PDB file of N, CA and C in Angstrom:
ATOM      1  N   MET A   1      -3.174 -14.013  -9.498  1.00  0.00           N
ATOM      2  CA  MET A   1      -3.065 -12.910  -8.542  1.00  0.00           C
ATOM      3  C   MET A   1      -1.879 -13.152  -7.609  1.00  0.00           C
ATOM      4  N   THR A   2      -1.224 -12.091  -7.238  1.00  0.00           N
ATOM      5  CA  THR A   2      -0.047 -12.182  -6.385  1.00  0.00           C
ATOM      6  C   THR A   2      -0.459 -12.264  -4.920  1.00  0.00           C
ATOM      7  N   ALA A   3       0.110 -13.210  -4.194  1.00  0.00           N
ATOM      8  CA  ALA A   3      -0.180 -13.375  -2.771  1.00  0.00           C
ATOM      9  C   ALA A   3       0.389 -12.184  -1.996  1.00  0.00           C
ATOM     10  N   PRO A   4      -0.244 -11.847  -0.862  1.00  0.00           N
ATOM     11  CA  PRO A   4       0.244 -10.702  -0.064  1.00  0.00           C
ATOM     12  C   PRO A   4       1.722 -10.807   0.297  1.00  0.00           C
ATOM     13  N   ASN A   5       2.178 -12.000   0.669  1.00  0.00           N
ATOM     14  CA  ASN A   5       3.587 -12.153   1.046  1.00  0.00           C
ATOM     15  C   ASN A   5       4.508 -11.886  -0.139  1.00  0.00           C
ATOM     16  N   GLU A   6       4.075 -12.250  -1.341  1.00  0.00           N
ATOM     17  CA  GLU A   6       4.876 -11.988  -2.531  1.00  0.00           C
ATOM     18  C   GLU A   6       4.961 -10.488  -2.801  1.00  0.00           C
ATOM     19  N   LYS A   7       3.856  -9.784  -2.582  1.00  0.00           N
ATOM     20  CA  LYS A   7       3.861  -8.328  -2.764  1.00  0.00           C
ATOM     21  C   LYS A   7       4.792  -7.666  -1.756  1.00  0.00           C
ATOM     22  N   LEU A   8       4.748  -8.134  -0.528  1.00  0.00           N
ATOM     23  CA  LEU A   8       5.632  -7.571   0.498  1.00  0.00           C
ATOM     24  C   LEU A   8       7.092  -7.853   0.174  1.00  0.00           C
ATOM     25  N   GLU A   9       7.356  -9.047  -0.309  1.00  0.00           N
ATOM     26  CA  GLU A   9       8.730  -9.395  -0.677  1.00  0.00           C
ATOM     27  C   GLU A   9       9.199  -8.538  -1.856  1.00  0.00           C
ATOM     28  N   GLU A  10       8.317  -8.287  -2.793  1.00  0.00           N
ATOM     29  CA  GLU A  10       8.664  -7.428  -3.925  1.00  0.00           C
ATOM     30  C   GLU A  10       9.013  -6.023  -3.445  1.00  0.00           C
ATOM     31  N   GLN A  11       8.228  -5.496  -2.528  1.00  0.00           N
ATOM     32  CA  GLN A  11       8.518  -4.160  -1.974  1.00  0.00           C
ATOM     33  C   GLN A  11       9.847  -4.175  -1.225  1.00  0.00           C
ATOM     34  N   ALA A  12      10.081  -5.237  -0.469  1.00  0.00           N
ATOM     35  CA  ALA A  12      11.341  -5.350   0.279  1.00  0.00           C
ATOM     36  C   ALA A  12      12.526  -5.386  -0.682  1.00  0.00           C
ATOM     37  N   ARG A  13      12.392  -6.095  -1.802  1.00  0.00           N
ATOM     38  CA  ARG A  13      13.473  -6.142  -2.794  1.00  0.00           C
ATOM     39  C   ARG A  13      13.731  -4.761  -3.386  1.00  0.00           C
ATOM     40  N   ARG A  14      12.670  -4.035  -3.648  1.00  0.00           N
ATOM     41  CA  ARG A  14      12.845  -2.667  -4.163  1.00  0.00           C
ATOM     42  C   ARG A  14      13.565  -1.794  -3.135  1.00  0.00           C
ATOM     43  N   LEU A  15      13.193  -1.933  -1.891  1.00  0.00           N
ATOM     44  CA  LEU A  15      13.862  -1.165  -0.841  1.00  0.00           C
ATOM     45  C   LEU A  15      15.329  -1.563  -0.716  1.00  0.00           C
ATOM     46  N   ASP A  16      15.615  -2.854  -0.877  1.00  0.00           N
ATOM     47  CA  ASP A  16      17.009  -3.306  -0.866  1.00  0.00           C
ATOM     48  C   ASP A  16      17.802  -2.653  -1.991  1.00  0.00           C
ATOM     49  N   GLU A  17      17.176  -2.509  -3.152  1.00  0.00           N
ATOM     50  CA  GLU A  17      17.848  -1.867  -4.282  1.00  0.00           C
ATOM     51  C   GLU A  17      18.117  -0.390  -3.980  1.00  0.00           C
ATOM     52  N   ILE A  18      17.143   0.268  -3.349  1.00  0.00           N
ATOM     53  CA  ILE A  18      17.348   1.665  -2.950  1.00  0.00           C
ATOM     54  C   ILE A  18      18.515   1.755  -1.979  1.00  0.00           C
ATOM     55  N   LEU A  19      18.553   0.846  -1.021  1.00  0.00           N
ATOM     56  CA  LEU A  19      19.642   0.845  -0.045  1.00  0.00           C
ATOM     57  C   LEU A  19      20.993   0.693  -0.726  1.00  0.00           C
ATOM     58  N   LYS A  20      21.101  -0.229  -1.673  1.00  0.00           N
ATOM     59  CA  LYS A  20      22.366  -0.430  -2.382  1.00  0.00           C
ATOM     60  C   LYS A  20      22.794   0.845  -3.108  1.00  0.00           C
ATOM     61  N   GLU A  21      21.840   1.477  -3.775  1.00  0.00           N
ATOM     62  CA  GLU A  21      22.163   2.707  -4.500  1.00  0.00           C
ATOM     63  C   GLU A  21      22.598   3.821  -3.552  1.00  0.00           C
ATOM     64  N   LEU A  22      21.904   3.957  -2.420  1.00  0.00           N
ATOM     65  CA  LEU A  22      22.258   5.016  -1.476  1.00  0.00           C
ATOM     66  C   LEU A  22      23.595   4.739  -0.798  1.00  0.00           C
ATOM     67  N   GLU A  23      23.896   3.473  -0.548  1.00  0.00           N
ATOM     68  CA  GLU A  23      25.209   3.144   0.020  1.00  0.00           C
ATOM     69  C   GLU A  23      26.330   3.496  -0.968  1.00  0.00           C
ATOM     70  N   MET A  24      26.090   3.228  -2.250  1.00  0.00           N
ATOM     71  CA  MET A  24      27.076   3.604  -3.253  1.00  0.00           C
ATOM     72  C   MET A  24      27.194   5.129  -3.336  1.00  0.00           C
ATOM     73  N   ALA A  25      26.058   5.822  -3.224  1.00  0.00           N
ATOM     74  CA  ALA A  25      26.081   7.287  -3.249  1.00  0.00           C
ATOM     75  C   ALA A  25      26.926   7.821  -2.095  1.00  0.00           C
ATOM     76  N   VAL A  26      26.758   7.252  -0.910  1.00  0.00           N
ATOM     77  CA  VAL A  26      27.536   7.685   0.256  1.00  0.00           C
ATOM     78  C   VAL A  26      29.025   7.460   0.008  1.00  0.00           C
ATOM     79  N   ALA A  27      29.370   6.338  -0.583  1.00  0.00           N
ATOM     80  CA  ALA A  27      30.783   6.059  -0.863  1.00  0.00           C
ATOM     81  C   ALA A  27      31.345   7.113  -1.830  1.00  0.00           C
ATOM     82  N   HIS A  28      30.560   7.482  -2.838  1.00  0.00           N
ATOM     83  CA  HIS A  28      31.023   8.497  -3.785  1.00  0.00           C
ATOM     84  C   HIS A  28      31.130   9.879  -3.133  1.00  0.00           C
ATOM     85  N   VAL A  29      30.228  10.198  -2.215  1.00  0.00           N
ATOM     86  CA  VAL A  29      30.304  11.473  -1.492  1.00  0.00           C
ATOM     87  C   VAL A  29      31.628  11.557  -0.726  1.00  0.00           C
ATOM     88  N   LYS A  30      31.950  10.486  -0.025  1.00  0.00           N
ATOM     89  CA  LYS A  30      33.187  10.461   0.760  1.00  0.00           C
ATOM     90  C   LYS A  30      34.408  10.593  -0.147  1.00  0.00           C
ATOM     91  N   THR A  31      34.387   9.857  -1.249  1.00  0.00           N
ATOM     92  CA  THR A  31      35.514   9.900  -2.174  1.00  0.00           C
ATOM     93  C   THR A  31      35.639  11.272  -2.825  1.00  0.00           C
ATOM     94  N   ALA A  32      34.510  11.831  -3.247  1.00  0.00           N
ATOM     95  CA  ALA A  32      34.531  13.158  -3.873  1.00  0.00           C
ATOM     96  C   ALA A  32      35.089  14.194  -2.907  1.00  0.00           C
ATOM     97  N   ALA A  33      34.635  14.163  -1.669  1.00  0.00           N
ATOM     98  CA  ALA A  33      35.122  15.126  -0.671  1.00  0.00           C
ATOM     99  C   ALA A  33      36.629  14.997  -0.478  1.00  0.00           C
ATOM    100  N   ALA A  34      37.112  13.770  -0.415  1.00  0.00           N
ATOM    101  CA  ALA A  34      38.548  13.556  -0.237  1.00  0.00           C
ATOM    102  C   ALA A  34      39.330  14.106  -1.425  1.00  0.00           C
ATOM    103  N   HIS A  35      38.814  13.885  -2.628  1.00  0.00           N
ATOM    104  CA  HIS A  35      39.504  14.398  -3.814  1.00  0.00           C
ATOM    105  C   HIS A  35      39.523  15.924  -3.839  1.00  0.00           C
ATOM    106  N   PHE A  36      38.403  16.544  -3.502  1.00  0.00           N
ATOM    107  CA  PHE A  36      38.376  18.009  -3.479  1.00  0.00           C
ATOM    108  C   PHE A  36      39.331  18.553  -2.427  1.00  0.00           C
ATOM    109  N   ARG A  37      39.391  17.889  -1.286  1.00  0.00           N
ATOM    110  CA  ARG A  37      40.309  18.342  -0.229  1.00  0.00           C
ATOM    111  C   ARG A  37      41.770  18.268  -0.659  1.00  0.00           C
ATOM    112  N   SER A  38      42.069  17.284  -1.492  1.00  0.00           N
ATOM    113  CA  SER A  38      43.465  17.134  -1.934  1.00  0.00           C
ATOM    114  C   SER A  38      43.734  17.867  -3.245  1.00  0.00           C
ATOM    115  N   GLY A  39      42.753  18.649  -3.698  1.00  0.00           N
ATOM    116  CA  GLY A  39      42.950  19.448  -4.899  1.00  0.00           C
ATOM    117  C   GLY A  39      42.749  18.704  -6.206  1.00  0.00           C
ATOM    118  N   GLU A  40      42.243  17.490  -6.140  1.00  0.00           N
ATOM    119  CA  GLU A  40      42.010  16.694  -7.355  1.00  0.00           C
ATOM    120  C   GLU A  40      40.592  16.962  -7.864  1.00  0.00           C
ATOM    121  N   VAL A  41      40.418  18.122  -8.450  1.00  0.00           N
ATOM    122  CA  VAL A  41      39.093  18.587  -8.857  1.00  0.00           C
ATOM    123  C   VAL A  41      38.433  17.670  -9.899  1.00  0.00           C
ATOM    124  N   PRO A  42      39.121  17.277 -10.985  1.00  0.00           N
ATOM    125  CA  PRO A  42      38.452  16.411 -11.957  1.00  0.00           C
ATOM    126  C   PRO A  42      37.953  15.096 -11.350  1.00  0.00           C
ATOM    127  N   ARG A  43      38.772  14.502 -10.492  1.00  0.00           N
ATOM    128  CA  ARG A  43      38.349  13.250  -9.847  1.00  0.00           C
ATOM    129  C   ARG A  43      37.182  13.497  -8.905  1.00  0.00           C
ATOM    130  N   GLY A  44      37.219  14.606  -8.179  1.00  0.00           N
ATOM    131  CA  GLY A  44      36.100  14.958  -7.301  1.00  0.00           C
ATOM    132  C   GLY A  44      34.821  15.155  -8.085  1.00  0.00           C
ATOM    133  N   CYS A  45      34.946  15.813  -9.243  1.00  0.00           N
ATOM    134  CA  CYS A  45      33.772  16.028 -10.100  1.00  0.00           C
ATOM    135  C   CYS A  45      33.232  14.706 -10.625  1.00  0.00           C
ATOM    136  N   ALA A  46      34.117  13.815 -10.995  1.00  0.00           N
ATOM    137  CA  ALA A  46      33.676  12.514 -11.518  1.00  0.00           C
ATOM    138  C   ALA A  46      32.872  11.759 -10.465  1.00  0.00           C
ATOM    139  N   HIS A  47      33.333  11.780  -9.239  1.00  0.00           N
ATOM    140  CA  HIS A  47      32.604  11.081  -8.176  1.00  0.00           C
ATOM    141  C   HIS A  47      31.300  11.790  -7.824  1.00  0.00           C
ATOM    142  N   THR A  48      31.271  13.102  -7.984  1.00  0.00           N
ATOM    143  CA  THR A  48      30.033  13.846  -7.752  1.00  0.00           C
ATOM    144  C   THR A  48      28.982  13.456  -8.787  1.00  0.00           C
ATOM    145  N   VAL A  49      29.405  13.305 -10.040  1.00  0.00           N
ATOM    146  CA  VAL A  49      28.479  12.881 -11.093  1.00  0.00           C
ATOM    147  C   VAL A  49      28.008  11.443 -10.826  1.00  0.00           C
ATOM    148  N   ALA A  50      28.915  10.581 -10.403  1.00  0.00           N
ATOM    149  CA  ALA A  50      28.533   9.202 -10.074  1.00  0.00           C
ATOM    150  C   ALA A  50      27.531   9.183  -8.924  1.00  0.00           C
ATOM    151  N   LEU A  51      27.750  10.032  -7.946  1.00  0.00           N
ATOM    152  CA  LEU A  51      26.818  10.169  -6.821  1.00  0.00           C
ATOM    153  C   LEU A  51      25.431  10.501  -7.339  1.00  0.00           C
ATOM    154  N   GLU A  52      25.354  11.477  -8.237  1.00  0.00           N
ATOM    155  CA  GLU A  52      24.055  11.873  -8.764  1.00  0.00           C
ATOM    156  C   GLU A  52      23.386  10.716  -9.504  1.00  0.00           C
ATOM    157  N   GLY A  53      24.159   9.948 -10.238  1.00  0.00           N
ATOM    158  CA  GLY A  53      23.604   8.788 -10.930  1.00  0.00           C
ATOM    159  C   GLY A  53      22.959   7.806  -9.973  1.00  0.00           C
ATOM    160  N   HIS A  54      23.628   7.543  -8.858  1.00  0.00           N
ATOM    161  CA  HIS A  54      23.059   6.627  -7.861  1.00  0.00           C
ATOM    162  C   HIS A  54      21.797   7.209  -7.237  1.00  0.00           C
ATOM    163  N   MET A  55      21.785   8.515  -7.022  1.00  0.00           N
ATOM    164  CA  MET A  55      20.598   9.162  -6.465  1.00  0.00           C
ATOM    165  C   MET A  55      19.428   9.090  -7.446  1.00  0.00           C
ATOM    166  N   ILE A  56      19.713   9.248  -8.714  1.00  0.00           N
ATOM    167  CA  ILE A  56      18.662   9.167  -9.731  1.00  0.00           C
ATOM    168  C   ILE A  56      18.057   7.765  -9.751  1.00  0.00           C
ATOM    169  N   VAL A  57      18.914   6.758  -9.745  1.00  0.00           N
ATOM    170  CA  VAL A  57      18.410   5.375  -9.771  1.00  0.00           C
ATOM    171  C   VAL A  57      17.608   5.073  -8.507  1.00  0.00           C
ATOM    172  N   ALA A  58      18.095   5.524  -7.347  1.00  0.00           N
ATOM    173  CA  ALA A  58      17.346   5.316  -6.102  1.00  0.00           C
ATOM    174  C   ALA A  58      15.984   5.991  -6.194  1.00  0.00           C
ATOM    175  N   GLY A  59      15.951   7.185  -6.762  1.00  0.00           N
ATOM    176  CA  GLY A  59      14.690   7.899  -6.936  1.00  0.00           C
ATOM    177  C   GLY A  59      13.736   7.162  -7.858  1.00  0.00           C
ATOM    178  N   GLU A  60      14.275   6.533  -8.899  1.00  0.00           N
ATOM    179  CA  GLU A  60      13.433   5.763  -9.810  1.00  0.00           C
ATOM    180  C   GLU A  60      12.814   4.560  -9.104  1.00  0.00           C
ATOM    181  N   PHE A  61      13.604   3.884  -8.272  1.00  0.00           N
ATOM    182  CA  PHE A  61      13.054   2.769  -7.489  1.00  0.00           C
ATOM    183  C   PHE A  61      11.953   3.270  -6.553  1.00  0.00           C
ATOM    184  N   LEU A  62      12.183   4.421  -5.920  1.00  0.00           N
ATOM    185  CA  LEU A  62      11.186   4.988  -5.013  1.00  0.00           C
ATOM    186  C   LEU A  62       9.920   5.357  -5.763  1.00  0.00           C
ATOM    187  N   LYS A  63      10.062   5.855  -6.982  1.00  0.00           N
ATOM    188  CA  LYS A  63       8.886   6.162  -7.795  1.00  0.00           C
ATOM    189  C   LYS A  63       8.072   4.902  -8.068  1.00  0.00           C
ATOM    190  N   GLU A  64       8.744   3.803  -8.344  1.00  0.00           N
ATOM    191  CA  GLU A  64       8.032   2.543  -8.584  1.00  0.00           C
ATOM    192  C   GLU A  64       7.268   2.103  -7.334  1.00  0.00           C
ATOM    193  N   ILE A  65       7.899   2.248  -6.177  1.00  0.00           N
ATOM    194  CA  ILE A  65       7.215   1.904  -4.928  1.00  0.00           C
ATOM    195  C   ILE A  65       6.002   2.801  -4.743  1.00  0.00           C
ATOM    196  N   SER A  66       6.169   4.083  -5.014  1.00  0.00           N
ATOM    197  CA  SER A  66       5.067   5.036  -4.857  1.00  0.00           C
ATOM    198  C   SER A  66       3.916   4.719  -5.802  1.00  0.00           C
ATOM    199  N   LYS A  67       4.239   4.350  -7.033  1.00  0.00           N
ATOM    200  CA  LYS A  67       3.192   4.002  -7.992  1.00  0.00           C
ATOM    201  C   LYS A  67       2.404   2.783  -7.527  1.00  0.00           C
ATOM    202  N   THR A  68       3.088   1.820  -6.972  1.00  0.00           N
ATOM    203  CA  THR A  68       2.420   0.619  -6.459  1.00  0.00           C
ATOM    204  C   THR A  68       1.568   0.966  -5.248  1.00  0.00           C
ATOM    205  N   HIS A  69       2.110   1.778  -4.351  1.00  0.00           N
ATOM    206  CA  HIS A  69       1.408   2.110  -3.119  1.00  0.00           C
ATOM    207  C   HIS A  69       0.157   2.930  -3.375  1.00  0.00           C
ATOM    208  N   ARG A  70       0.151   3.745  -4.414  1.00  0.00           N
ATOM    209  CA  ARG A  70      -1.015   4.578  -4.697  1.00  0.00           C
ATOM    210  C   ARG A  70      -2.256   3.737  -4.922  1.00  0.00           C
ATOM    211  N   LEU A  71      -2.084   2.501  -5.377  1.00  0.00           N
ATOM    212  CA  LEU A  71      -3.213   1.613  -5.631  1.00  0.00           C
ATOM    213  C   LEU A  71      -3.796   1.027  -4.345  1.00  0.00           C
ATOM    214  N   ALA A  72      -2.977   0.995  -3.294  1.00  0.00           N
ATOM    215  CA  ALA A  72      -3.395   0.383  -2.035  1.00  0.00           C
ATOM    216  C   ALA A  72      -3.817   1.418  -0.998  1.00  0.00           C
ATOM    217  N   ALA A  73      -3.334   2.635  -1.119  1.00  0.00           N
ATOM    218  CA  ALA A  73      -3.615   3.665  -0.113  1.00  0.00           C
ATOM    219  C   ALA A  73      -5.054   4.161  -0.266  1.00  0.00           C
ATOM    220  N   ARG A  74      -5.680   4.404   0.846  1.00  0.00           N
ATOM    221  CA  ARG A  74      -7.047   4.932   0.846  1.00  0.00           C
ATOM    222  C   ARG A  74      -7.008   6.429   1.143  1.00  0.00           C
ATOM    223  N   PRO A  75      -7.722   7.228   0.339  1.00  0.00           N
ATOM    224  CA  PRO A  75      -7.729   8.679   0.577  1.00  0.00           C
ATOM    225  C   PRO A  75      -8.503   9.053   1.831  1.00  0.00           C
TER     226      PRO A  75
END
């Protein structure tokens, strides 16, 4: 059985992964906006797609946290 501190650390690691993905998403948002402003549409689109990829991965990590939490939450 997993000790409570290990479970908390596991959740913290998942949150760290979400943070990394969202920070990368923010970087792509900034880059995409700059490219669109300078008329570089293909490059802006590429960064927009990369942004979405990071958001999808962050969402997947959040789903894992939610699945774990459903077992501990009381209705």
